[in-house]
Amino acid sequence: MEKGDTNMSDQKKQNLADPKIRKRFVTYKEAAELYSMGLTRVQEHAKIAGATYKMGNKVLVNTDIFEAYLEQFRIPGDYEGMAKKFTPELAGLYH
């Protein structure tokens, strides 16, 4: 891989994570990069979540559905009260 390829790959990772240019549907490979998970793990959980869409040979993952599914694995923190105070829009996550 050449140096230019690395920069393009880094830029693509930043684009995937940027909420302003966030894609609703991503490939398994993109989802693995975006969520820092292995490809097999993403495939497993995307199918369980019902977040997969198959079009011919291409499978896409709906990031909205997948992220909602991931929320069930959240580990509550010690300072959730502070999180509610400073980020009221997220208060619904802390039941």
PDB file of N, CA and C in Angstrom:
ATOM      1  N   MET A   1       0.843  -1.169   0.000  1.00  0.00           N
ATOM      2  CA  MET A   1       0.000   0.000   0.000  1.00  0.00           C
ATOM      3  C   MET A   1       0.894   1.241   0.000  1.00  0.00           C
ATOM      4  N   GLU A   2       0.592   2.182  -0.862  1.00  0.00           N
ATOM      5  CA  GLU A   2       1.382   3.402  -0.963  1.00  0.00           C
ATOM      6  C   GLU A   2       0.916   4.419   0.062  1.00  0.00           C
ATOM      7  N   LYS A   3       1.745   5.433   0.282  1.00  0.00           N
ATOM      8  CA  LYS A   3       1.426   6.463   1.263  1.00  0.00           C
ATOM      9  C   LYS A   3       0.112   7.168   0.924  1.00  0.00           C
ATOM     10  N   GLY A   4      -0.137   7.448  -0.319  1.00  0.00           N
ATOM     11  CA  GLY A   4      -1.377   8.098  -0.746  1.00  0.00           C
ATOM     12  C   GLY A   4      -2.604   7.259  -0.412  1.00  0.00           C
ATOM     13  N   ASP A   5      -2.459   5.927  -0.507  1.00  0.00           N
ATOM     14  CA  ASP A   5      -3.559   5.023  -0.183  1.00  0.00           C
ATOM     15  C   ASP A   5      -3.907   5.107   1.298  1.00  0.00           C
ATOM     16  N   THR A   6      -2.896   5.232   2.147  1.00  0.00           N
ATOM     17  CA  THR A   6      -3.119   5.324   3.585  1.00  0.00           C
ATOM     18  C   THR A   6      -3.885   6.594   3.910  1.00  0.00           C
ATOM     19  N   ASN A   7      -3.486   7.713   3.310  1.00  0.00           N
ATOM     20  CA  ASN A   7      -4.189   8.970   3.558  1.00  0.00           C
ATOM     21  C   ASN A   7      -5.639   8.903   3.110  1.00  0.00           C
ATOM     22  N   MET A   8      -5.900   8.248   1.979  1.00  0.00           N
ATOM     23  CA  MET A   8      -7.259   8.105   1.497  1.00  0.00           C
ATOM     24  C   MET A   8      -8.068   7.223   2.449  1.00  0.00           C
ATOM     25  N   SER A   9      -7.453   6.166   2.955  1.00  0.00           N
ATOM     26  CA  SER A   9      -8.126   5.284   3.896  1.00  0.00           C
ATOM     27  C   SER A   9      -8.446   6.028   5.193  1.00  0.00           C
ATOM     28  N   ASP A  10      -7.492   6.817   5.692  1.00  0.00           N
ATOM     29  CA  ASP A  10      -7.725   7.606   6.902  1.00  0.00           C
ATOM     30  C   ASP A  10      -8.844   8.612   6.676  1.00  0.00           C
ATOM     31  N   GLN A  11      -8.852   9.239   5.514  1.00  0.00           N
ATOM     32  CA  GLN A  11      -9.893  10.214   5.194  1.00  0.00           C
ATOM     33  C   GLN A  11     -11.258   9.541   5.136  1.00  0.00           C
ATOM     34  N   LYS A  12     -11.322   8.346   4.571  1.00  0.00           N
ATOM     35  CA  LYS A  12     -12.586   7.619   4.488  1.00  0.00           C
ATOM     36  C   LYS A  12     -13.103   7.279   5.882  1.00  0.00           C
ATOM     37  N   LYS A  13     -12.192   6.867   6.788  1.00  0.00           N
ATOM     38  CA  LYS A  13     -12.594   6.574   8.169  1.00  0.00           C
ATOM     39  C   LYS A  13     -13.142   7.823   8.844  1.00  0.00           C
ATOM     40  N   GLN A  14     -12.493   8.967   8.629  1.00  0.00           N
ATOM     41  CA  GLN A  14     -12.982  10.216   9.207  1.00  0.00           C
ATOM     42  C   GLN A  14     -14.347  10.564   8.634  1.00  0.00           C
ATOM     43  N   ASN A  15     -14.535  10.364   7.350  1.00  0.00           N
ATOM     44  CA  ASN A  15     -15.820  10.655   6.715  1.00  0.00           C
ATOM     45  C   ASN A  15     -16.925   9.764   7.273  1.00  0.00           C
ATOM     46  N   LEU A  16     -16.624   8.497   7.509  1.00  0.00           N
ATOM     47  CA  LEU A  16     -17.625   7.591   8.066  1.00  0.00           C
ATOM     48  C   LEU A  16     -18.062   8.036   9.455  1.00  0.00           C
ATOM     49  N   ALA A  17     -17.134   8.577  10.221  1.00  0.00           N
ATOM     50  CA  ALA A  17     -17.429   8.976  11.592  1.00  0.00           C
ATOM     51  C   ALA A  17     -17.991  10.389  11.698  1.00  0.00           C
ATOM     52  N   ASP A  18     -17.897  11.193  10.654  1.00  0.00           N
ATOM     53  CA  ASP A  18     -18.355  12.580  10.697  1.00  0.00           C
ATOM     54  C   ASP A  18     -19.877  12.634  10.597  1.00  0.00           C
ATOM     55  N   PRO A  19     -20.554  13.140  11.638  1.00  0.00           N
ATOM     56  CA  PRO A  19     -22.021  13.157  11.618  1.00  0.00           C
ATOM     57  C   PRO A  19     -22.611  14.045  10.516  1.00  0.00           C
ATOM     58  N   LYS A  20     -21.824  15.000  10.020  1.00  0.00           N
ATOM     59  CA  LYS A  20     -22.330  15.894   8.968  1.00  0.00           C
ATOM     60  C   LYS A  20     -22.443  15.187   7.621  1.00  0.00           C
ATOM     61  N   ILE A  21     -21.586  14.202   7.399  1.00  0.00           N
ATOM     62  CA  ILE A  21     -21.617  13.482   6.118  1.00  0.00           C
ATOM     63  C   ILE A  21     -21.847  11.984   6.332  1.00  0.00           C
ATOM     64  N   ARG A  22     -22.502  11.669   7.422  1.00  0.00           N
ATOM     65  CA  ARG A  22     -22.756  10.288   7.820  1.00  0.00           C
ATOM     66  C   ARG A  22     -23.635   9.577   6.790  1.00  0.00           C
ATOM     67  N   LYS A  23     -23.266   8.345   6.477  1.00  0.00           N
ATOM     68  CA  LYS A  23     -24.056   7.546   5.545  1.00  0.00           C
ATOM     69  C   LYS A  23     -25.057   6.711   6.338  1.00  0.00           C
ATOM     70  N   ARG A  24     -26.265   6.596   5.835  1.00  0.00           N
ATOM     71  CA  ARG A  24     -27.281   5.785   6.495  1.00  0.00           C
ATOM     72  C   ARG A  24     -27.034   4.298   6.252  1.00  0.00           C
ATOM     73  N   PHE A  25     -26.548   3.962   5.065  1.00  0.00           N
ATOM     74  CA  PHE A  25     -26.269   2.574   4.720  1.00  0.00           C
ATOM     75  C   PHE A  25     -24.780   2.428   4.427  1.00  0.00           C
ATOM     76  N   VAL A  26     -24.164   1.413   5.011  1.00  0.00           N
ATOM     77  CA  VAL A  26     -22.747   1.147   4.782  1.00  0.00           C
ATOM     78  C   VAL A  26     -22.566  -0.342   4.509  1.00  0.00           C
ATOM     79  N   THR A  27     -21.454  -0.685   3.883  1.00  0.00           N
ATOM     80  CA  THR A  27     -21.142  -2.096   3.655  1.00  0.00           C
ATOM     81  C   THR A  27     -20.659  -2.700   4.974  1.00  0.00           C
ATOM     82  N   TYR A  28     -20.552  -4.021   5.009  1.00  0.00           N
ATOM     83  CA  TYR A  28     -20.023  -4.688   6.204  1.00  0.00           C
ATOM     84  C   TYR A  28     -18.621  -4.163   6.528  1.00  0.00           C
ATOM     85  N   LYS A  29     -17.800  -4.008   5.501  1.00  0.00           N
ATOM     86  CA  LYS A  29     -16.431  -3.539   5.706  1.00  0.00           C
ATOM     87  C   LYS A  29     -16.412  -2.142   6.312  1.00  0.00           C
ATOM     88  N   GLU A  30     -17.254  -1.252   5.771  1.00  0.00           N
ATOM     89  CA  GLU A  30     -17.329   0.106   6.308  1.00  0.00           C
ATOM     90  C   GLU A  30     -17.853   0.104   7.743  1.00  0.00           C
ATOM     91  N   ALA A  31     -18.833  -0.756   8.016  1.00  0.00           N
ATOM     92  CA  ALA A  31     -19.377  -0.849   9.375  1.00  0.00           C
ATOM     93  C   ALA A  31     -18.309  -1.342  10.351  1.00  0.00           C
ATOM     94  N   ALA A  32     -17.507  -2.293   9.923  1.00  0.00           N
ATOM     95  CA  ALA A  32     -16.428  -2.806  10.785  1.00  0.00           C
ATOM     96  C   ALA A  32     -15.451  -1.688  11.118  1.00  0.00           C
ATOM     97  N   GLU A  33     -15.119  -0.852  10.135  1.00  0.00           N
ATOM     98  CA  GLU A  33     -14.223   0.283  10.368  1.00  0.00           C
ATOM     99  C   GLU A  33     -14.891   1.322  11.266  1.00  0.00           C
ATOM    100  N   LEU A  34     -16.136   1.633  10.974  1.00  0.00           N
ATOM    101  CA  LEU A  34     -16.861   2.666  11.696  1.00  0.00           C
ATOM    102  C   LEU A  34     -17.037   2.324  13.169  1.00  0.00           C
ATOM    103  N   TYR A  35     -17.346   1.078  13.464  1.00  0.00           N
ATOM    104  CA  TYR A  35     -17.635   0.672  14.841  1.00  0.00           C
ATOM    105  C   TYR A  35     -16.455  -0.032  15.516  1.00  0.00           C
ATOM    106  N   SER A  36     -15.318  -0.052  14.856  1.00  0.00           N
ATOM    107  CA  SER A  36     -14.100  -0.684  15.403  1.00  0.00           C
ATOM    108  C   SER A  36     -14.375  -2.117  15.860  1.00  0.00           C
ATOM    109  N   MET A  37     -14.995  -2.873  14.984  1.00  0.00           N
ATOM    110  CA  MET A  37     -15.319  -4.270  15.261  1.00  0.00           C
ATOM    111  C   MET A  37     -14.780  -5.120  14.118  1.00  0.00           C
ATOM    112  N   GLY A  38     -14.643  -6.399  14.375  1.00  0.00           N
ATOM    113  CA  GLY A  38     -14.239  -7.316  13.322  1.00  0.00           C
ATOM    114  C   GLY A  38     -15.377  -7.534  12.335  1.00  0.00           C
ATOM    115  N   LEU A  39     -15.019  -7.916  11.134  1.00  0.00           N
ATOM    116  CA  LEU A  39     -16.002  -8.109  10.074  1.00  0.00           C
ATOM    117  C   LEU A  39     -17.046  -9.169  10.447  1.00  0.00           C
ATOM    118  N   THR A  40     -16.590 -10.291  10.976  1.00  0.00           N
ATOM    119  CA  THR A  40     -17.519 -11.367  11.344  1.00  0.00           C
ATOM    120  C   THR A  40     -18.475 -10.920  12.437  1.00  0.00           C
ATOM    121  N   ARG A  41     -17.964 -10.193  13.417  1.00  0.00           N
ATOM    122  CA  ARG A  41     -18.807  -9.704  14.520  1.00  0.00           C
ATOM    123  C   ARG A  41     -19.861  -8.728  13.998  1.00  0.00           C
ATOM    124  N   VAL A  42     -19.475  -7.850  13.088  1.00  0.00           N
ATOM    125  CA  VAL A  42     -20.434  -6.908  12.497  1.00  0.00           C
ATOM    126  C   VAL A  42     -21.506  -7.665  11.732  1.00  0.00           C
ATOM    127  N   GLN A  43     -21.104  -8.648  10.942  1.00  0.00           N
ATOM    128  CA  GLN A  43     -22.074  -9.435  10.173  1.00  0.00           C
ATOM    129  C   GLN A  43     -23.069 -10.126  11.104  1.00  0.00           C
ATOM    130  N   GLU A  44     -22.560 -10.730  12.150  1.00  0.00           N
ATOM    131  CA  GLU A  44     -23.404 -11.426  13.135  1.00  0.00           C
ATOM    132  C   GLU A  44     -24.439 -10.485  13.737  1.00  0.00           C
ATOM    133  N   HIS A  45     -23.958  -9.391  14.296  1.00  0.00           N
ATOM    134  CA  HIS A  45     -24.841  -8.490  15.028  1.00  0.00           C
ATOM    135  C   HIS A  45     -25.767  -7.700  14.106  1.00  0.00           C
ATOM    136  N   ALA A  46     -25.316  -7.360  12.923  1.00  0.00           N
ATOM    137  CA  ALA A  46     -26.187  -6.656  11.980  1.00  0.00           C
ATOM    138  C   ALA A  46     -27.369  -7.546  11.590  1.00  0.00           C
ATOM    139  N   LYS A  47     -27.113  -8.831  11.402  1.00  0.00           N
ATOM    140  CA  LYS A  47     -28.196  -9.765  11.061  1.00  0.00           C
ATOM    141  C   LYS A  47     -29.159  -9.920  12.231  1.00  0.00           C
ATOM    142  N   ILE A  48     -28.621 -10.070  13.443  1.00  0.00           N
ATOM    143  CA  ILE A  48     -29.468 -10.200  14.636  1.00  0.00           C
ATOM    144  C   ILE A  48     -30.328  -8.949  14.815  1.00  0.00           C
ATOM    145  N   ALA A  49     -29.732  -7.783  14.561  1.00  0.00           N
ATOM    146  CA  ALA A  49     -30.435  -6.508  14.735  1.00  0.00           C
ATOM    147  C   ALA A  49     -31.504  -6.283  13.668  1.00  0.00           C
ATOM    148  N   GLY A  50     -31.430  -7.040  12.577  1.00  0.00           N
ATOM    149  CA  GLY A  50     -32.362  -6.818  11.474  1.00  0.00           C
ATOM    150  C   GLY A  50     -31.994  -5.567  10.680  1.00  0.00           C
ATOM    151  N   ALA A  51     -30.688  -5.260  10.655  1.00  0.00           N
ATOM    152  CA  ALA A  51     -30.206  -4.034  10.014  1.00  0.00           C
ATOM    153  C   ALA A  51     -29.590  -4.287   8.643  1.00  0.00           C
ATOM    154  N   THR A  52     -29.770  -5.477   8.082  1.00  0.00           N
ATOM    155  CA  THR A  52     -29.135  -5.798   6.809  1.00  0.00           C
ATOM    156  C   THR A  52     -30.129  -5.719   5.654  1.00  0.00           C
ATOM    157  N   TYR A  53     -29.627  -5.244   4.535  1.00  0.00           N
ATOM    158  CA  TYR A  53     -30.397  -5.124   3.301  1.00  0.00           C
ATOM    159  C   TYR A  53     -29.574  -5.758   2.196  1.00  0.00           C
ATOM    160  N   LYS A  54     -30.133  -6.739   1.507  1.00  0.00           N
ATOM    161  CA  LYS A  54     -29.392  -7.423   0.447  1.00  0.00           C
ATOM    162  C   LYS A  54     -29.949  -7.018  -0.906  1.00  0.00           C
ATOM    163  N   MET A  55     -29.030  -6.548  -1.745  1.00  0.00           N
ATOM    164  CA  MET A  55     -29.379  -6.156  -3.111  1.00  0.00           C
ATOM    165  C   MET A  55     -28.403  -6.865  -4.032  1.00  0.00           C
ATOM    166  N   GLY A  56     -28.840  -7.941  -4.654  1.00  0.00           N
ATOM    167  CA  GLY A  56     -27.939  -8.741  -5.476  1.00  0.00           C
ATOM    168  C   GLY A  56     -26.878  -9.359  -4.598  1.00  0.00           C
ATOM    169  N   ASN A  57     -25.615  -9.115  -4.909  1.00  0.00           N
ATOM    170  CA  ASN A  57     -24.510  -9.634  -4.106  1.00  0.00           C
ATOM    171  C   ASN A  57     -24.073  -8.676  -3.011  1.00  0.00           C
ATOM    172  N   LYS A  58     -24.628  -7.470  -2.994  1.00  0.00           N
ATOM    173  CA  LYS A  58     -24.218  -6.435  -2.043  1.00  0.00           C
ATOM    174  C   LYS A  58     -25.131  -6.461  -0.819  1.00  0.00           C
ATOM    175  N   VAL A  59     -24.521  -6.463   0.376  1.00  0.00           N
ATOM    176  CA  VAL A  59     -25.273  -6.365   1.622  1.00  0.00           C
ATOM    177  C   VAL A  59     -24.922  -5.034   2.267  1.00  0.00           C
ATOM    178  N   LEU A  60     -25.952  -4.290   2.640  1.00  0.00           N
ATOM    179  CA  LEU A  60     -25.763  -3.003   3.298  1.00  0.00           C
ATOM    180  C   LEU A  60     -26.306  -3.073   4.722  1.00  0.00           C
ATOM    181  N   VAL A  61     -25.696  -2.299   5.602  1.00  0.00           N
ATOM    182  CA  VAL A  61     -26.105  -2.237   7.009  1.00  0.00           C
ATOM    183  C   VAL A  61     -26.718  -0.867   7.255  1.00  0.00           C
ATOM    184  N   ASN A  62     -27.923  -0.847   7.811  1.00  0.00           N
ATOM    185  CA  ASN A  62     -28.576   0.400   8.177  1.00  0.00           C
ATOM    186  C   ASN A  62     -27.980   0.851   9.508  1.00  0.00           C
ATOM    187  N   THR A  63     -27.251   1.972   9.493  1.00  0.00           N
ATOM    188  CA  THR A  63     -26.546   2.414  10.693  1.00  0.00           C
ATOM    189  C   THR A  63     -27.500   2.858  11.800  1.00  0.00           C
ATOM    190  N   ASP A  64     -28.665   3.392  11.451  1.00  0.00           N
ATOM    191  CA  ASP A  64     -29.636   3.809  12.465  1.00  0.00           C
ATOM    192  C   ASP A  64     -30.117   2.605  13.275  1.00  0.00           C
ATOM    193  N   ILE A  65     -30.501   1.545  12.582  1.00  0.00           N
ATOM    194  CA  ILE A  65     -30.980   0.338  13.252  1.00  0.00           C
ATOM    195  C   ILE A  65     -29.848  -0.320  14.038  1.00  0.00           C
ATOM    196  N   PHE A  66     -28.664  -0.387  13.436  1.00  0.00           N
ATOM    197  CA  PHE A  66     -27.528  -1.031  14.082  1.00  0.00           C
ATOM    198  C   PHE A  66     -27.131  -0.292  15.362  1.00  0.00           C
ATOM    199  N   GLU A  67     -27.110   1.032  15.322  1.00  0.00           N
ATOM    200  CA  GLU A  67     -26.747   1.797  16.512  1.00  0.00           C
ATOM    201  C   GLU A  67     -27.792   1.669  17.612  1.00  0.00           C
ATOM    202  N   ALA A  68     -29.065   1.610  17.239  1.00  0.00           N
ATOM    203  CA  ALA A  68     -30.117   1.399  18.237  1.00  0.00           C
ATOM    204  C   ALA A  68     -29.931   0.033  18.900  1.00  0.00           C
ATOM    205  N   TYR A  69     -29.577  -0.957  18.118  1.00  0.00           N
ATOM    206  CA  TYR A  69     -29.306  -2.295  18.649  1.00  0.00           C
ATOM    207  C   TYR A  69     -28.107  -2.282  19.593  1.00  0.00           C
ATOM    208  N   LEU A  70     -27.046  -1.551  19.222  1.00  0.00           N
ATOM    209  CA  LEU A  70     -25.842  -1.497  20.054  1.00  0.00           C
ATOM    210  C   LEU A  70     -26.109  -0.881  21.417  1.00  0.00           C
ATOM    211  N   GLU A  71     -27.097   0.002  21.518  1.00  0.00           N
ATOM    212  CA  GLU A  71     -27.393   0.663  22.792  1.00  0.00           C
ATOM    213  C   GLU A  71     -27.727  -0.326  23.909  1.00  0.00           C
ATOM    214  N   GLN A  72     -28.239  -1.494  23.560  1.00  0.00           N
ATOM    215  CA  GLN A  72     -28.580  -2.466  24.605  1.00  0.00           C
ATOM    216  C   GLN A  72     -27.340  -3.023  25.302  1.00  0.00           C
ATOM    217  N   PHE A  73     -26.163  -2.814  24.724  1.00  0.00           N
ATOM    218  CA  PHE A  73     -24.928  -3.322  25.301  1.00  0.00           C
ATOM    219  C   PHE A  73     -24.177  -2.260  26.112  1.00  0.00           C
ATOM    220  N   ARG A  74     -24.771  -1.073  26.256  1.00  0.00           N
ATOM    221  CA  ARG A  74     -24.124   0.013  26.972  1.00  0.00           C
ATOM    222  C   ARG A  74     -23.948  -0.339  28.440  1.00  0.00           C
ATOM    223  N   ILE A  75     -22.784  -0.035  28.963  1.00  0.00           N
ATOM    224  CA  ILE A  75     -22.491  -0.261  30.377  1.00  0.00           C
ATOM    225  C   ILE A  75     -22.692   1.068  31.093  1.00  0.00           C
ATOM    226  N   PRO A  76     -23.652   1.142  32.020  1.00  0.00           N
ATOM    227  CA  PRO A  76     -23.899   2.405  32.722  1.00  0.00           C
ATOM    228  C   PRO A  76     -22.659   2.871  33.480  1.00  0.00           C
ATOM    229  N   GLY A  77     -22.430   4.174  33.468  1.00  0.00           N
ATOM    230  CA  GLY A  77     -21.267   4.737  34.137  1.00  0.00           C
ATOM    231  C   GLY A  77     -21.585   5.244  35.533  1.00  0.00           C
ATOM    232  N   ASP A  78     -20.544   5.587  36.251  1.00  0.00           N
ATOM    233  CA  ASP A  78     -20.684   6.092  37.611  1.00  0.00           C
ATOM    234  C   ASP A  78     -21.223   7.515  37.650  1.00  0.00           C
ATOM    235  N   TYR A  79     -21.062   8.253  36.563  1.00  0.00           N
ATOM    236  CA  TYR A  79     -21.418   9.669  36.564  1.00  0.00           C
ATOM    237  C   TYR A  79     -22.570   9.984  35.624  1.00  0.00           C
ATOM    238  N   GLU A  80     -23.569   9.122  35.589  1.00  0.00           N
ATOM    239  CA  GLU A  80     -24.689   9.332  34.679  1.00  0.00           C
ATOM    240  C   GLU A  80     -25.478  10.583  35.026  1.00  0.00           C
ATOM    241  N   GLY A  81     -25.533  10.929  36.309  1.00  0.00           N
ATOM    242  CA  GLY A  81     -26.223  12.151  36.716  1.00  0.00           C
ATOM    243  C   GLY A  81     -25.600  13.363  36.060  1.00  0.00           C
ATOM    244  N   MET A  82     -24.290  13.382  35.981  1.00  0.00           N
ATOM    245  CA  MET A  82     -23.592  14.490  35.336  1.00  0.00           C
ATOM    246  C   MET A  82     -23.891  14.499  33.841  1.00  0.00           C
ATOM    247  N   ALA A  83     -23.937  13.328  33.250  1.00  0.00           N
ATOM    248  CA  ALA A  83     -24.223  13.242  31.821  1.00  0.00           C
ATOM    249  C   ALA A  83     -25.615  13.795  31.529  1.00  0.00           C
ATOM    250  N   LYS A  84     -26.575  13.488  32.396  1.00  0.00           N
ATOM    251  CA  LYS A  84     -27.933  13.997  32.210  1.00  0.00           C
ATOM    252  C   LYS A  84     -27.959  15.524  32.312  1.00  0.00           C
ATOM    253  N   LYS A  85     -27.182  16.049  33.237  1.00  0.00           N
ATOM    254  CA  LYS A  85     -27.160  17.490  33.463  1.00  0.00           C
ATOM    255  C   LYS A  85     -26.544  18.228  32.271  1.00  0.00           C
ATOM    256  N   PHE A  86     -25.446  17.713  31.763  1.00  0.00           N
ATOM    257  CA  PHE A  86     -24.715  18.422  30.719  1.00  0.00           C
ATOM    258  C   PHE A  86     -25.141  18.064  29.306  1.00  0.00           C
ATOM    259  N   THR A  87     -25.821  16.950  29.137  1.00  0.00           N
ATOM    260  CA  THR A  87     -26.307  16.558  27.808  1.00  0.00           C
ATOM    261  C   THR A  87     -27.762  16.105  27.920  1.00  0.00           C
ATOM    262  N   PRO A  88     -28.674  17.061  28.170  1.00  0.00           N
ATOM    263  CA  PRO A  88     -30.080  16.681  28.386  1.00  0.00           C
ATOM    264  C   PRO A  88     -30.709  15.948  27.206  1.00  0.00           C
ATOM    265  N   GLU A  89     -30.201  16.178  25.995  1.00  0.00           N
ATOM    266  CA  GLU A  89     -30.785  15.491  24.831  1.00  0.00           C
ATOM    267  C   GLU A  89     -30.525  13.990  24.885  1.00  0.00           C
ATOM    268  N   LEU A  90     -29.552  13.556  25.702  1.00  0.00           N
ATOM    269  CA  LEU A  90     -29.247  12.135  25.846  1.00  0.00           C
ATOM    270  C   LEU A  90     -29.910  11.532  27.086  1.00  0.00           C
ATOM    271  N   ALA A  91     -30.653  12.320  27.838  1.00  0.00           N
ATOM    272  CA  ALA A  91     -31.233  11.853  29.091  1.00  0.00           C
ATOM    273  C   ALA A  91     -32.114  10.621  28.894  1.00  0.00           C
ATOM    274  N   GLY A  92     -32.742  10.496  27.737  1.00  0.00           N
ATOM    275  CA  GLY A  92     -33.601   9.340  27.465  1.00  0.00           C
ATOM    276  C   GLY A  92     -32.844   8.024  27.454  1.00  0.00           C
ATOM    277  N   LEU A  93     -31.537   8.081  27.284  1.00  0.00           N
ATOM    278  CA  LEU A  93     -30.730   6.850  27.274  1.00  0.00           C
ATOM    279  C   LEU A  93     -30.514   6.301  28.665  1.00  0.00           C
ATOM    280  N   TYR A  94     -30.692   7.162  29.674  1.00  0.00           N
ATOM    281  CA  TYR A  94     -30.377   6.767  31.045  1.00  0.00           C
ATOM    282  C   TYR A  94     -31.667   6.541  31.826  1.00  0.00           C
ATOM    283  N   HIS A  95     -32.246   5.386  31.708  1.00  0.00           N
ATOM    284  CA  HIS A  95     -33.507   5.058  32.406  1.00  0.00           C
ATOM    285  C   HIS A  95     -33.198   4.369  33.692  1.00  0.00           C
TER     286      HIS A  95
END
